[in-house]
Every structure is written in structure tokens, then in C-alpha cells.
Amino acid sequence: MTCARRSLLLAASAVALGLLSFSHAAWSQRSIKIVVPFPPGGSADILARLLGEQVGKTNGMTVVTENRPGGGASIAYEAVARAAPDANTLVINGNSLVINPHLRKVNYDPLTSFEPVCYLVSSPQVYVVNPDSPYRTLNDLIAAARAKPGEVTLASVGPATTQHIGFEQLKHAAKVNITYVPYGGGAPAMNALLGGHVAAVFGNYSEAVEHIKAGKLRVLASASRTRIEPLPDVPTVAELGFKDYEVEVWFGLLAPAKTAKDATAQLASWFTAAMQVPDVKPKLVNLGLYPVGLCNADFGAHIHKQFDEYGRIIRDANIKAE
């Protein structure tokens, strides 16, 4: 390599380092905005606020959370897909990211409109009822639905969400007619159940856990592959006779497409570190949000796999957008 060539490479490296330093400085002087596609109080909202506060505290910057629910989460995804790729606008995604394009026209592509930052946490799903409900088990609820088709009501965030699709899978497998009641977020669905407006809810354990601990809700079954650690006596749906039934919610962090790779790597480092902070991790686990930390290209591969799998499930169950 010639001296001139070596000098050019060294100069380029210095410029790159300078840009990285400038980027960090710019971040510390401006705020990072995390867009949440769901109403306040739900799992994604709690996650964004917990991690955002920790990242801001650790790195000396302002991290703000903006709730933009609507359109089955598509409004938020589309807004962030159009945002400047400067790493200052991010979105917490749920499974809806890869579900929506199979069911409706959306103005984003889950595989090309974003730069994957991290698959942050997974959240178990549960079927819950009020403590005075006549349904002691999930099979009790299914038996009631068979006896009185259409009269039993079940709520979840929806339509066209992980929970909605999981509910439709159960209806299909059990061959029952249960009336589905969609809500704009998991927290409003839980409130509807607490208020006696619906018979049951299928939702995130993280959104039900405090009510369960307080004795205000009873868990009929979990949708995980194995029993949830905090609920060792609660059977899985698969154990109740519905083989291979499994529903998992995952929350990740995305930046607009063309965001610099070094910037998304830095964000991944900050947010995965935040999940392991002694003051943060127990809060996440207590809420049923279990850290995963699969980042960048590995998270991108997960998104591709989930997109293909949901497409198959939606076709097989003939699920339509409402």
C-alpha cells in the first residue's frame, strides 16, 4: 500500500470517528423520540418509558415517549417509516408489524421500511376472567360457548393483532362461536373486563399481572409453549387439548430505513444495557416482560421469519381484516 493510499485511509477513518463523535454529541443535545403504536398503560408503553428513562439517565440525553395508537398500529409504523433516518425517531413494534401487511393495505414494508435495532422482550399471553366468573377453566368457557353460540364475549387488543389471531386460532381449533370484542389497547380491554362489560380477555400477562396479584382477575390458561414461571399451577392451552397452540408477543425497537448502521448498533448497545440494569430488569420481569436482546441483523432475520409464519397462519385460518 502506498503512503498516499495509507494517508487517505487514515484520513477517512478520522472523519468517520469524528462523525460518530458528532452523532453522539448531537444525540446528547437533542431528544430521542420513541413512538408507541398503542395507548398509554399497555406493555409497549411501559417498556418504552422504563427503557427510555434509563437510556436517557445513563447517556445524558432526553428520551421522550409519544403514544400514536390507531390503524392496528399502522399509523405509528407509517409515521416512523417516513421519519428522517437520523436515529432520533424510533418505534416500539409488536407482532402487528408483520401481521398488518397480510390483512390490509399499509404504507410501510416490514422488511424494507426500517432498520432493526433490537428484539427487546417477549411477553406471555393469558386468558383471564373476573374472580366471580362461572368459568373456572378455559374448557368451562368453551363449553359455555358451545351451549350458547355467540353469547360469550372475549376482548383483546385488535382487530388483526397477535391476540386476535390467537383467539381465532382457538375458535377454529375448538369449533366454537365466541363473540370477539376488539379494543384499541390491552389496558382498555382489561378495564372492560374489570367493569364487567365482557366475559373474558386474551391479553399480555404484563397487562394483567397486577390485577391477578390483587385477586381482581383469575387466569384460565396461558398461551405459552410451557407454563409461565410465576403461574406454575396454570395450564397452557396446549395442555388442555389443543396441541401445538402457542401465541407469543414480542416487542422490538426499529429506526427508519437508511439509518446508519453504526447508529443502530449504538442504540442496540444502549437499550440492551438498560434492560440489564439492576433497577430495571426486575421491573420488566415482574411485569412479565422477559428480556431477549436479539439485535440488528439477527433481529432482522426474526422479523423475516415472523412475517412468513403469520402469513401462513392467516391463510390457514382464513382470517380477514375487520
C-alpha atoms as a PDB file:
ATOM      1  CA  MET A   1       0.000   0.000   0.000  1.00  0.00           C
ATOM      2  CA  THR A   2       1.404   3.398  -0.949  1.00  0.00           C
ATOM      3  CA  CYS A   3       1.940   6.152   1.607  1.00  0.00           C
ATOM      4  CA  ALA A   4      -0.670   8.276  -0.159  1.00  0.00           C
ATOM      5  CA  ARG A   5      -3.180   5.426  -0.050  1.00  0.00           C
ATOM      6  CA  ARG A   6      -2.443   4.833   3.636  1.00  0.00           C
ATOM      7  CA  SER A   7      -2.887   8.522   4.386  1.00  0.00           C
ATOM      8  CA  LEU A   8      -6.232   8.612   2.622  1.00  0.00           C
ATOM      9  CA  LEU A   9      -7.455   5.614   4.611  1.00  0.00           C
ATOM     10  CA  LEU A  10      -6.293   7.159   7.872  1.00  0.00           C
ATOM     11  CA  ALA A  11      -7.992  10.408   6.970  1.00  0.00           C
ATOM     12  CA  ALA A  12     -11.210   8.595   6.134  1.00  0.00           C
ATOM     13  CA  SER A  13     -11.061   6.756   9.459  1.00  0.00           C
ATOM     14  CA  ALA A  14     -10.548  10.008  11.299  1.00  0.00           C
ATOM     15  CA  VAL A  15     -13.519  11.542   9.527  1.00  0.00           C
ATOM     16  CA  ALA A  16     -15.643   8.520  10.381  1.00  0.00           C
ATOM     17  CA  LEU A  17     -14.622   8.744  14.018  1.00  0.00           C
ATOM     18  CA  GLY A  18     -15.400  12.415  14.001  1.00  0.00           C
ATOM     19  CA  LEU A  19     -18.847  11.737  12.574  1.00  0.00           C
ATOM     20  CA  LEU A  20     -19.537   9.137  15.239  1.00  0.00           C
ATOM     21  CA  SER A  21     -18.442  11.570  17.927  1.00  0.00           C
ATOM     22  CA  PHE A  22     -20.596  14.303  16.398  1.00  0.00           C
ATOM     23  CA  SER A  23     -23.539  11.908  16.231  1.00  0.00           C
ATOM     24  CA  HIS A  24     -23.245  11.086  19.922  1.00  0.00           C
ATOM     25  CA  ALA A  25     -22.889  14.756  20.777  1.00  0.00           C
ATOM     26  CA  ALA A  26     -25.935  15.575  18.667  1.00  0.00           C
ATOM     27  CA  TRP A  27     -27.934  12.887  20.438  1.00  0.00           C
ATOM     28  CA  SER A  28     -26.956  14.258  23.826  1.00  0.00           C
ATOM     29  CA  GLN A  29     -28.159  17.732  22.806  1.00  0.00           C
ATOM     30  CA  ARG A  30     -31.421  16.599  21.181  1.00  0.00           C
ATOM     31  CA  SER A  31     -34.083  14.213  22.307  1.00  0.00           C
ATOM     32  CA  ILE A  32     -34.739  10.705  21.076  1.00  0.00           C
ATOM     33  CA  LYS A  33     -38.424  10.093  20.481  1.00  0.00           C
ATOM     34  CA  ILE A  34     -39.829   6.599  20.942  1.00  0.00           C
ATOM     35  CA  VAL A  35     -43.186   6.263  19.203  1.00  0.00           C
ATOM     36  CA  VAL A  36     -45.549   3.717  20.789  1.00  0.00           C
ATOM     37  CA  PRO A  37     -48.324   2.431  18.479  1.00  0.00           C
ATOM     38  CA  PHE A  38     -50.661   1.721  21.416  1.00  0.00           C
ATOM     39  CA  PRO A  39     -52.440   3.701  24.149  1.00  0.00           C
ATOM     40  CA  PRO A  40     -50.729   4.558  27.468  1.00  0.00           C
ATOM     41  CA  GLY A  41     -50.671   1.886  30.154  1.00  0.00           C
ATOM     42  CA  GLY A  42     -50.034  -1.150  27.960  1.00  0.00           C
ATOM     43  CA  SER A  43     -46.942  -3.348  27.771  1.00  0.00           C
ATOM     44  CA  ALA A  44     -45.267  -1.471  24.920  1.00  0.00           C
ATOM     45  CA  ASP A  45     -45.854   1.861  26.645  1.00  0.00           C
ATOM     46  CA  ILE A  46     -44.420   0.631  29.954  1.00  0.00           C
ATOM     47  CA  LEU A  47     -41.418  -0.855  28.145  1.00  0.00           C
ATOM     48  CA  ALA A  48     -40.695   2.331  26.202  1.00  0.00           C
ATOM     49  CA  ARG A  49     -40.892   4.522  29.290  1.00  0.00           C
ATOM     50  CA  LEU A  50     -38.787   2.260  31.516  1.00  0.00           C
ATOM     51  CA  LEU A  51     -36.007   1.800  28.965  1.00  0.00           C
ATOM     52  CA  GLY A  52     -36.193   5.361  27.656  1.00  0.00           C
ATOM     53  CA  GLU A  53     -35.746   6.780  31.137  1.00  0.00           C
ATOM     54  CA  GLN A  54     -32.761   4.530  31.794  1.00  0.00           C
ATOM     55  CA  VAL A  55     -31.084   5.248  28.443  1.00  0.00           C
ATOM     56  CA  GLY A  56     -31.561   8.975  28.975  1.00  0.00           C
ATOM     57  CA  LYS A  57     -30.179   8.835  32.515  1.00  0.00           C
ATOM     58  CA  THR A  58     -27.144   6.753  31.546  1.00  0.00           C
ATOM     59  CA  ASN A  59     -26.212   8.719  28.421  1.00  0.00           C
ATOM     60  CA  GLY A  60     -27.135  12.242  29.467  1.00  0.00           C
ATOM     61  CA  MET A  61     -29.885  12.824  26.932  1.00  0.00           C
ATOM     62  CA  THR A  62     -33.627  13.328  26.792  1.00  0.00           C
ATOM     63  CA  VAL A  63     -35.728  10.365  25.670  1.00  0.00           C
ATOM     64  CA  VAL A  64     -39.434  11.073  25.206  1.00  0.00           C
ATOM     65  CA  THR A  65     -42.301   8.662  24.562  1.00  0.00           C
ATOM     66  CA  GLU A  66     -45.129   9.513  22.179  1.00  0.00           C
ATOM     67  CA  ASN A  67     -48.267   7.367  22.000  1.00  0.00           C
ATOM     68  CA  ARG A  68     -49.765   7.193  18.493  1.00  0.00           C
ATOM     69  CA  PRO A  69     -52.403   4.444  18.534  1.00  0.00           C
ATOM     70  CA  GLY A  70     -54.716   3.688  15.635  1.00  0.00           C
ATOM     71  CA  GLY A  71     -54.943   1.730  12.428  1.00  0.00           C
ATOM     72  CA  GLY A  72     -53.986  -1.512  14.164  1.00  0.00           C
ATOM     73  CA  ALA A  73     -50.646   0.171  14.993  1.00  0.00           C
ATOM     74  CA  SER A  74     -50.061   1.093  11.343  1.00  0.00           C
ATOM     75  CA  ILE A  75     -50.342   4.850  11.967  1.00  0.00           C
ATOM     76  CA  ALA A  76     -47.234   4.793  14.147  1.00  0.00           C
ATOM     77  CA  TYR A  77     -45.302   2.431  11.868  1.00  0.00           C
ATOM     78  CA  GLU A  78     -46.046   4.569   8.821  1.00  0.00           C
ATOM     79  CA  ALA A  79     -45.050   7.782  10.629  1.00  0.00           C
ATOM     80  CA  VAL A  80     -41.689   6.380  11.676  1.00  0.00           C
ATOM     81  CA  ALA A  81     -41.071   4.819   8.260  1.00  0.00           C
ATOM     82  CA  ARG A  82     -41.366   8.368   6.841  1.00  0.00           C
ATOM     83  CA  ALA A  83     -39.193   9.986   9.534  1.00  0.00           C
ATOM     84  CA  ALA A  84     -35.671  11.226   8.854  1.00  0.00           C
ATOM     85  CA  PRO A  85     -33.112   8.406   9.229  1.00  0.00           C
ATOM     86  CA  ASP A  86     -31.127  10.306  11.846  1.00  0.00           C
ATOM     87  CA  ALA A  87     -31.640   7.842  14.739  1.00  0.00           C
ATOM     88  CA  ASN A  88     -33.685  10.407  16.647  1.00  0.00           C
ATOM     89  CA  THR A  89     -37.099   8.828  15.916  1.00  0.00           C
ATOM     90  CA  LEU A  90     -37.716   5.193  16.841  1.00  0.00           C
ATOM     91  CA  VAL A  91     -40.759   2.961  17.187  1.00  0.00           C
ATOM     92  CA  ILE A  92     -41.577   0.136  19.587  1.00  0.00           C
ATOM     93  CA  ASN A  93     -43.026  -2.613  17.425  1.00  0.00           C
ATOM     94  CA  GLY A  94     -45.215  -5.553  18.284  1.00  0.00           C
ATOM     95  CA  ASN A  95     -46.224  -8.540  16.180  1.00  0.00           C
ATOM     96  CA  SER A  96     -48.629  -6.182  14.396  1.00  0.00           C
ATOM     97  CA  LEU A  97     -45.653  -5.009  12.342  1.00  0.00           C
ATOM     98  CA  VAL A  98     -45.675  -8.256  10.363  1.00  0.00           C
ATOM     99  CA  ILE A  99     -49.388  -9.053  10.677  1.00  0.00           C
ATOM    100  CA  ASN A 100     -50.892  -5.905   9.177  1.00  0.00           C
ATOM    101  CA  PRO A 101     -49.484  -6.270   5.640  1.00  0.00           C
ATOM    102  CA  HIS A 102     -51.188  -9.678   5.313  1.00  0.00           C
ATOM    103  CA  LEU A 103     -54.601  -8.218   6.142  1.00  0.00           C
ATOM    104  CA  ARG A 104     -54.793  -4.664   4.834  1.00  0.00           C
ATOM    105  CA  LYS A 105     -53.060  -2.124   2.650  1.00  0.00           C
ATOM    106  CA  VAL A 106     -50.345  -0.352   4.644  1.00  0.00           C
ATOM    107  CA  ASN A 107     -47.901   2.359   3.700  1.00  0.00           C
ATOM    108  CA  TYR A 108     -44.845   0.587   5.035  1.00  0.00           C
ATOM    109  CA  ASP A 109     -42.986  -2.641   4.332  1.00  0.00           C
ATOM    110  CA  PRO A 110     -41.920  -4.528   7.485  1.00  0.00           C
ATOM    111  CA  LEU A 111     -38.918  -5.937   5.652  1.00  0.00           C
ATOM    112  CA  THR A 112     -37.586  -2.795   3.963  1.00  0.00           C
ATOM    113  CA  SER A 113     -39.006   0.333   5.650  1.00  0.00           C
ATOM    114  CA  PHE A 114     -36.991   0.023   8.855  1.00  0.00           C
ATOM    115  CA  GLU A 115     -33.563  -0.667  10.275  1.00  0.00           C
ATOM    116  CA  PRO A 116     -33.875  -3.311  13.013  1.00  0.00           C
ATOM    117  CA  VAL A 117     -32.383  -2.219  16.324  1.00  0.00           C
ATOM    118  CA  CYS A 118     -33.361  -4.937  18.829  1.00  0.00           C
ATOM    119  CA  TYR A 119     -35.918  -7.578  19.710  1.00  0.00           C
ATOM    120  CA  LEU A 120     -36.192  -6.346  23.285  1.00  0.00           C
ATOM    121  CA  VAL A 121     -38.603  -8.571  25.223  1.00  0.00           C
ATOM    122  CA  SER A 122     -41.199 -11.300  24.891  1.00  0.00           C
ATOM    123  CA  SER A 123     -44.486 -11.299  26.796  1.00  0.00           C
ATOM    124  CA  PRO A 124     -46.600 -14.373  27.674  1.00  0.00           C
ATOM    125  CA  GLN A 125     -50.297 -14.313  26.801  1.00  0.00           C
ATOM    126  CA  VAL A 126     -53.117 -15.355  29.124  1.00  0.00           C
ATOM    127  CA  TYR A 127     -56.866 -15.954  29.103  1.00  0.00           C
ATOM    128  CA  VAL A 128     -58.366 -14.195  32.142  1.00  0.00           C
ATOM    129  CA  VAL A 129     -61.818 -13.696  33.692  1.00  0.00           C
ATOM    130  CA  ASN A 130     -63.214 -11.904  36.728  1.00  0.00           C
ATOM    131  CA  PRO A 131     -62.906 -13.793  40.037  1.00  0.00           C
ATOM    132  CA  ASP A 132     -66.696 -14.217  40.299  1.00  0.00           C
ATOM    133  CA  SER A 133     -66.932 -15.648  36.764  1.00  0.00           C
ATOM    134  CA  PRO A 134     -68.651 -19.055  36.456  1.00  0.00           C
ATOM    135  CA  TYR A 135     -65.740 -20.156  34.236  1.00  0.00           C
ATOM    136  CA  ARG A 136     -63.127 -21.880  36.388  1.00  0.00           C
ATOM    137  CA  THR A 137     -61.170 -23.260  33.418  1.00  0.00           C
ATOM    138  CA  LEU A 138     -60.742 -22.437  29.756  1.00  0.00           C
ATOM    139  CA  ASN A 139     -62.737 -25.556  28.909  1.00  0.00           C
ATOM    140  CA  ASP A 140     -65.610 -24.177  31.018  1.00  0.00           C
ATOM    141  CA  LEU A 141     -65.655 -21.063  28.843  1.00  0.00           C
ATOM    142  CA  ILE A 142     -65.516 -23.162  25.666  1.00  0.00           C
ATOM    143  CA  ALA A 143     -68.367 -25.383  26.913  1.00  0.00           C
ATOM    144  CA  ALA A 144     -70.499 -22.308  27.609  1.00  0.00           C
ATOM    145  CA  ALA A 145     -69.790 -21.005  24.107  1.00  0.00           C
ATOM    146  CA  ARG A 146     -70.896 -24.330  22.631  1.00  0.00           C
ATOM    147  CA  ALA A 147     -74.103 -24.281  24.690  1.00  0.00           C
ATOM    148  CA  LYS A 148     -74.941 -20.686  23.733  1.00  0.00           C
ATOM    149  CA  PRO A 149     -73.225 -19.810  20.426  1.00  0.00           C
ATOM    150  CA  GLY A 150     -72.302 -16.150  20.121  1.00  0.00           C
ATOM    151  CA  GLU A 151     -73.319 -15.181  23.657  1.00  0.00           C
ATOM    152  CA  VAL A 152     -69.901 -15.495  25.330  1.00  0.00           C
ATOM    153  CA  THR A 153     -67.748 -12.398  24.710  1.00  0.00           C
ATOM    154  CA  LEU A 154     -63.984 -12.185  24.668  1.00  0.00           C
ATOM    155  CA  ALA A 155     -61.974  -8.966  24.347  1.00  0.00           C
ATOM    156  CA  SER A 156     -58.426  -8.229  23.269  1.00  0.00           C
ATOM    157  CA  VAL A 157     -56.416  -5.520  21.599  1.00  0.00           C
ATOM    158  CA  GLY A 158     -57.398  -5.579  17.957  1.00  0.00           C
ATOM    159  CA  PRO A 159     -58.547  -6.298  15.406  1.00  0.00           C
ATOM    160  CA  ALA A 160     -55.846  -8.067  13.360  1.00  0.00           C
ATOM    161  CA  THR A 161     -53.386  -8.315  16.255  1.00  0.00           C
ATOM    162  CA  THR A 162     -51.465 -11.239  17.709  1.00  0.00           C
ATOM    163  CA  GLN A 163     -54.185 -11.683  20.306  1.00  0.00           C
ATOM    164  CA  HIS A 164     -56.976 -11.530  17.730  1.00  0.00           C
ATOM    165  CA  ILE A 165     -55.246 -14.109  15.558  1.00  0.00           C
ATOM    166  CA  GLY A 166     -54.533 -16.291  18.615  1.00  0.00           C
ATOM    167  CA  PHE A 167     -58.202 -16.074  19.600  1.00  0.00           C
ATOM    168  CA  GLU A 168     -59.311 -17.012  16.083  1.00  0.00           C
ATOM    169  CA  GLN A 169     -56.930 -19.979  16.182  1.00  0.00           C
ATOM    170  CA  LEU A 170     -58.591 -21.179  19.394  1.00  0.00           C
ATOM    171  CA  LYS A 171     -62.096 -20.684  17.965  1.00  0.00           C
ATOM    172  CA  HIS A 172     -61.093 -22.676  14.894  1.00  0.00           C
ATOM    173  CA  ALA A 173     -59.487 -25.463  16.949  1.00  0.00           C
ATOM    174  CA  ALA A 174     -62.355 -25.683  19.460  1.00  0.00           C
ATOM    175  CA  LYS A 175     -65.043 -25.230  16.798  1.00  0.00           C
ATOM    176  CA  VAL A 176     -66.975 -22.660  18.856  1.00  0.00           C
ATOM    177  CA  ASN A 177     -68.685 -19.326  18.233  1.00  0.00           C
ATOM    178  CA  ILE A 178     -67.368 -16.764  20.740  1.00  0.00           C
ATOM    179  CA  THR A 179     -68.045 -13.079  20.063  1.00  0.00           C
ATOM    180  CA  TYR A 180     -64.825 -11.106  19.630  1.00  0.00           C
ATOM    181  CA  VAL A 181     -64.750  -7.559  21.082  1.00  0.00           C
ATOM    182  CA  PRO A 182     -61.734  -5.502  19.911  1.00  0.00           C
ATOM    183  CA  TYR A 183     -60.184  -2.657  21.903  1.00  0.00           C
ATOM    184  CA  GLY A 184     -57.569  -0.084  20.971  1.00  0.00           C
ATOM    185  CA  GLY A 185     -55.099  -1.390  23.540  1.00  0.00           C
ATOM    186  CA  GLY A 186     -54.508  -4.109  26.088  1.00  0.00           C
ATOM    187  CA  ALA A 187     -55.180  -1.834  29.065  1.00  0.00           C
ATOM    188  CA  PRO A 188     -58.642  -0.747  27.793  1.00  0.00           C
ATOM    189  CA  ALA A 189     -59.523  -4.408  27.194  1.00  0.00           C
ATOM    190  CA  MET A 190     -58.572  -5.270  30.779  1.00  0.00           C
ATOM    191  CA  ASN A 191     -60.625  -2.321  32.048  1.00  0.00           C
ATOM    192  CA  ALA A 192     -63.626  -3.603  30.087  1.00  0.00           C
ATOM    193  CA  LEU A 193     -63.289  -6.977  31.797  1.00  0.00           C
ATOM    194  CA  LEU A 194     -62.889  -5.403  35.237  1.00  0.00           C
ATOM    195  CA  GLY A 195     -66.025  -3.387  34.548  1.00  0.00           C
ATOM    196  CA  GLY A 196     -67.992  -6.497  33.634  1.00  0.00           C
ATOM    197  CA  HIS A 197     -68.522  -5.493  30.002  1.00  0.00           C
ATOM    198  CA  VAL A 198     -67.046  -8.716  28.568  1.00  0.00           C
ATOM    199  CA  ALA A 199     -66.755 -12.293  29.839  1.00  0.00           C
ATOM    200  CA  ALA A 200     -63.028 -12.793  29.257  1.00  0.00           C
ATOM    201  CA  VAL A 201     -59.861 -11.216  27.865  1.00  0.00           C
ATOM    202  CA  PHE A 202     -56.967 -12.706  25.936  1.00  0.00           C
ATOM    203  CA  GLY A 203     -54.010 -10.419  26.513  1.00  0.00           C
ATOM    204  CA  ASN A 204     -50.483  -9.801  27.722  1.00  0.00           C
ATOM    205  CA  TYR A 205     -49.671 -11.216  31.138  1.00  0.00           C
ATOM    206  CA  SER A 206     -47.850  -7.942  31.791  1.00  0.00           C
ATOM    207  CA  GLU A 207     -51.146  -6.055  31.490  1.00  0.00           C
ATOM    208  CA  ALA A 208     -52.999  -8.452  33.787  1.00  0.00           C
ATOM    209  CA  VAL A 209     -50.358  -9.293  36.389  1.00  0.00           C
ATOM    210  CA  GLU A 210     -51.181  -6.571  38.929  1.00  0.00           C
ATOM    211  CA  HIS A 211     -54.893  -7.394  38.731  1.00  0.00           C
ATOM    212  CA  ILE A 212     -54.079 -11.096  39.138  1.00  0.00           C
ATOM    213  CA  LYS A 213     -51.914 -10.416  42.196  1.00  0.00           C
ATOM    214  CA  ALA A 214     -54.668  -8.266  43.694  1.00  0.00           C
ATOM    215  CA  GLY A 215     -57.236 -11.030  43.178  1.00  0.00           C
ATOM    216  CA  LYS A 216     -59.231  -8.925  40.703  1.00  0.00           C
ATOM    217  CA  LEU A 217     -58.691 -11.363  37.800  1.00  0.00           C
ATOM    218  CA  ARG A 218     -58.385 -15.135  37.516  1.00  0.00           C
ATOM    219  CA  VAL A 219     -56.193 -16.843  34.919  1.00  0.00           C
ATOM    220  CA  LEU A 220     -57.761 -19.719  32.978  1.00  0.00           C
ATOM    221  CA  ALA A 221     -54.778 -20.656  30.804  1.00  0.00           C
ATOM    222  CA  SER A 222     -51.549 -19.365  29.293  1.00  0.00           C
ATOM    223  CA  ALA A 223     -50.757 -19.461  25.578  1.00  0.00           C
ATOM    224  CA  SER A 224     -47.038 -20.141  26.007  1.00  0.00           C
ATOM    225  CA  ARG A 225     -45.320 -23.346  24.971  1.00  0.00           C
ATOM    226  CA  THR A 226     -44.610 -24.045  28.647  1.00  0.00           C
ATOM    227  CA  ARG A 227     -46.234 -22.818  31.854  1.00  0.00           C
ATOM    228  CA  ILE A 228     -45.408 -19.284  32.965  1.00  0.00           C
ATOM    229  CA  GLU A 229     -42.904 -19.319  35.814  1.00  0.00           C
ATOM    230  CA  PRO A 230     -44.946 -17.015  38.130  1.00  0.00           C
ATOM    231  CA  LEU A 231     -48.080 -19.151  37.467  1.00  0.00           C
ATOM    232  CA  PRO A 232     -46.896 -22.761  37.849  1.00  0.00           C
ATOM    233  CA  ASP A 233     -50.404 -24.069  38.532  1.00  0.00           C
ATOM    234  CA  VAL A 234     -51.971 -22.501  35.436  1.00  0.00           C
ATOM    235  CA  PRO A 235     -52.093 -24.918  32.468  1.00  0.00           C
ATOM    236  CA  THR A 236     -51.176 -23.991  28.926  1.00  0.00           C
ATOM    237  CA  VAL A 237     -53.817 -24.054  26.206  1.00  0.00           C
ATOM    238  CA  ALA A 238     -51.905 -26.931  24.596  1.00  0.00           C
ATOM    239  CA  GLU A 239     -52.183 -28.949  27.819  1.00  0.00           C
ATOM    240  CA  LEU A 240     -55.958 -28.528  27.707  1.00  0.00           C
ATOM    241  CA  GLY A 241     -56.220 -30.498  24.493  1.00  0.00           C
ATOM    242  CA  PHE A 242     -55.249 -28.010  21.783  1.00  0.00           C
ATOM    243  CA  LYS A 243     -51.978 -29.453  20.592  1.00  0.00           C
ATOM    244  CA  ASP A 244     -49.319 -27.092  19.213  1.00  0.00           C
ATOM    245  CA  TYR A 245     -51.294 -24.000  20.264  1.00  0.00           C
ATOM    246  CA  GLU A 246     -48.793 -21.261  21.100  1.00  0.00           C
ATOM    247  CA  VAL A 247     -49.069 -17.487  20.964  1.00  0.00           C
ATOM    248  CA  GLU A 248     -46.155 -15.211  21.825  1.00  0.00           C
ATOM    249  CA  VAL A 249     -45.953 -11.429  21.769  1.00  0.00           C
ATOM    250  CA  TRP A 250     -42.607  -9.812  21.101  1.00  0.00           C
ATOM    251  CA  PHE A 251     -41.631  -6.156  21.340  1.00  0.00           C
ATOM    252  CA  GLY A 252     -38.740  -4.662  19.427  1.00  0.00           C
ATOM    253  CA  LEU A 253     -37.215  -1.326  18.533  1.00  0.00           C
ATOM    254  CA  LEU A 254     -36.933  -0.039  14.962  1.00  0.00           C
ATOM    255  CA  ALA A 255     -35.421   3.003  13.251  1.00  0.00           C
ATOM    256  CA  PRO A 256     -36.340   4.353   9.797  1.00  0.00           C
ATOM    257  CA  ALA A 257     -34.702   2.647   6.820  1.00  0.00           C
ATOM    258  CA  LYS A 258     -31.262   4.027   5.864  1.00  0.00           C
ATOM    259  CA  THR A 259     -30.410   4.942   9.451  1.00  0.00           C
ATOM    260  CA  ALA A 260     -26.653   4.470   9.737  1.00  0.00           C
ATOM    261  CA  LYS A 261     -25.573   1.015  10.889  1.00  0.00           C
ATOM    262  CA  ASP A 262     -23.222   2.473  13.494  1.00  0.00           C
ATOM    263  CA  ALA A 263     -26.123   4.470  14.920  1.00  0.00           C
ATOM    264  CA  THR A 264     -28.431   1.429  15.194  1.00  0.00           C
ATOM    265  CA  ALA A 265     -25.564  -0.562  16.741  1.00  0.00           C
ATOM    266  CA  GLN A 266     -25.107   2.196  19.320  1.00  0.00           C
ATOM    267  CA  LEU A 267     -28.834   2.246  20.059  1.00  0.00           C
ATOM    268  CA  ALA A 268     -28.831  -1.541  20.414  1.00  0.00           C
ATOM    269  CA  SER A 269     -25.995  -1.295  22.915  1.00  0.00           C
ATOM    270  CA  TRP A 270     -27.775   1.360  24.976  1.00  0.00           C
ATOM    271  CA  PHE A 271     -31.133  -0.393  25.112  1.00  0.00           C
ATOM    272  CA  THR A 272     -29.803  -3.890  25.822  1.00  0.00           C
ATOM    273  CA  ALA A 273     -27.655  -2.441  28.599  1.00  0.00           C
ATOM    274  CA  ALA A 274     -30.703  -0.648  30.012  1.00  0.00           C
ATOM    275  CA  MET A 275     -32.607  -3.949  30.255  1.00  0.00           C
ATOM    276  CA  GLN A 276     -29.893  -5.435  32.481  1.00  0.00           C
ATOM    277  CA  VAL A 277     -29.670  -2.560  34.983  1.00  0.00           C
ATOM    278  CA  PRO A 278     -30.496  -3.894  38.474  1.00  0.00           C
ATOM    279  CA  ASP A 279     -33.245  -1.298  38.923  1.00  0.00           C
ATOM    280  CA  VAL A 280     -34.829  -2.098  35.544  1.00  0.00           C
ATOM    281  CA  LYS A 281     -34.638  -5.856  34.858  1.00  0.00           C
ATOM    282  CA  PRO A 282     -36.686  -6.929  37.913  1.00  0.00           C
ATOM    283  CA  LYS A 283     -39.392  -4.416  36.968  1.00  0.00           C
ATOM    284  CA  LEU A 284     -39.595  -5.897  33.476  1.00  0.00           C
ATOM    285  CA  VAL A 285     -39.695  -9.490  34.727  1.00  0.00           C
ATOM    286  CA  ASN A 286     -42.288  -8.670  37.394  1.00  0.00           C
ATOM    287  CA  LEU A 287     -44.464  -7.295  34.607  1.00  0.00           C
ATOM    288  CA  GLY A 288     -43.991 -10.437  32.520  1.00  0.00           C
ATOM    289  CA  LEU A 289     -41.653  -8.738  30.042  1.00  0.00           C
ATOM    290  CA  TYR A 290     -38.722 -11.110  29.600  1.00  0.00           C
ATOM    291  CA  PRO A 291     -35.519  -9.615  28.103  1.00  0.00           C
ATOM    292  CA  VAL A 292     -34.316 -11.165  24.836  1.00  0.00           C
ATOM    293  CA  GLY A 293     -31.779  -8.721  23.357  1.00  0.00           C
ATOM    294  CA  LEU A 294     -31.587 -10.076  19.789  1.00  0.00           C
ATOM    295  CA  CYS A 295     -30.222  -7.144  17.814  1.00  0.00           C
ATOM    296  CA  ASN A 296     -29.533  -5.681  14.382  1.00  0.00           C
ATOM    297  CA  ALA A 297     -29.161  -8.352  11.631  1.00  0.00           C
ATOM    298  CA  ASP A 298     -30.331 -11.151  13.951  1.00  0.00           C
ATOM    299  CA  PHE A 299     -33.474  -9.164  14.766  1.00  0.00           C
ATOM    300  CA  GLY A 300     -33.964  -8.565  11.038  1.00  0.00           C
ATOM    301  CA  ALA A 301     -33.891 -12.332  10.464  1.00  0.00           C
ATOM    302  CA  HIS A 302     -36.502 -12.794  13.217  1.00  0.00           C
ATOM    303  CA  ILE A 303     -38.788 -10.244  11.534  1.00  0.00           C
ATOM    304  CA  HIS A 304     -38.498 -12.095   8.204  1.00  0.00           C
ATOM    305  CA  LYS A 305     -39.333 -15.418   9.871  1.00  0.00           C
ATOM    306  CA  GLN A 306     -42.322 -13.982  11.740  1.00  0.00           C
ATOM    307  CA  PHE A 307     -43.641 -12.329   8.576  1.00  0.00           C
ATOM    308  CA  ASP A 308     -43.635 -15.677   6.766  1.00  0.00           C
ATOM    309  CA  GLU A 309     -45.154 -17.593   9.704  1.00  0.00           C
ATOM    310  CA  TYR A 310     -48.005 -15.149  10.244  1.00  0.00           C
ATOM    311  CA  GLY A 311     -48.786 -15.200   6.548  1.00  0.00           C
ATOM    312  CA  ARG A 312     -49.206 -18.983   6.763  1.00  0.00           C
ATOM    313  CA  ILE A 313     -51.363 -18.837   9.915  1.00  0.00           C
ATOM    314  CA  ILE A 314     -53.620 -16.121   8.488  1.00  0.00           C
ATOM    315  CA  ARG A 315     -54.138 -18.065   5.254  1.00  0.00           C
ATOM    316  CA  ASP A 316     -54.727 -21.385   7.009  1.00  0.00           C
ATOM    317  CA  ALA A 317     -57.273 -19.910   9.457  1.00  0.00           C
ATOM    318  CA  ASN A 318     -58.826 -17.712   6.743  1.00  0.00           C
ATOM    319  CA  ILE A 319     -58.531 -14.651   8.997  1.00  0.00           C
ATOM    320  CA  LYS A 320     -59.812 -11.413   7.475  1.00  0.00           C
ATOM    321  CA  ALA A 321     -59.320  -7.793   8.489  1.00  0.00           C
ATOM    322  CA  GLU A 322     -62.365  -6.199  10.075  1.00  0.00           C
END
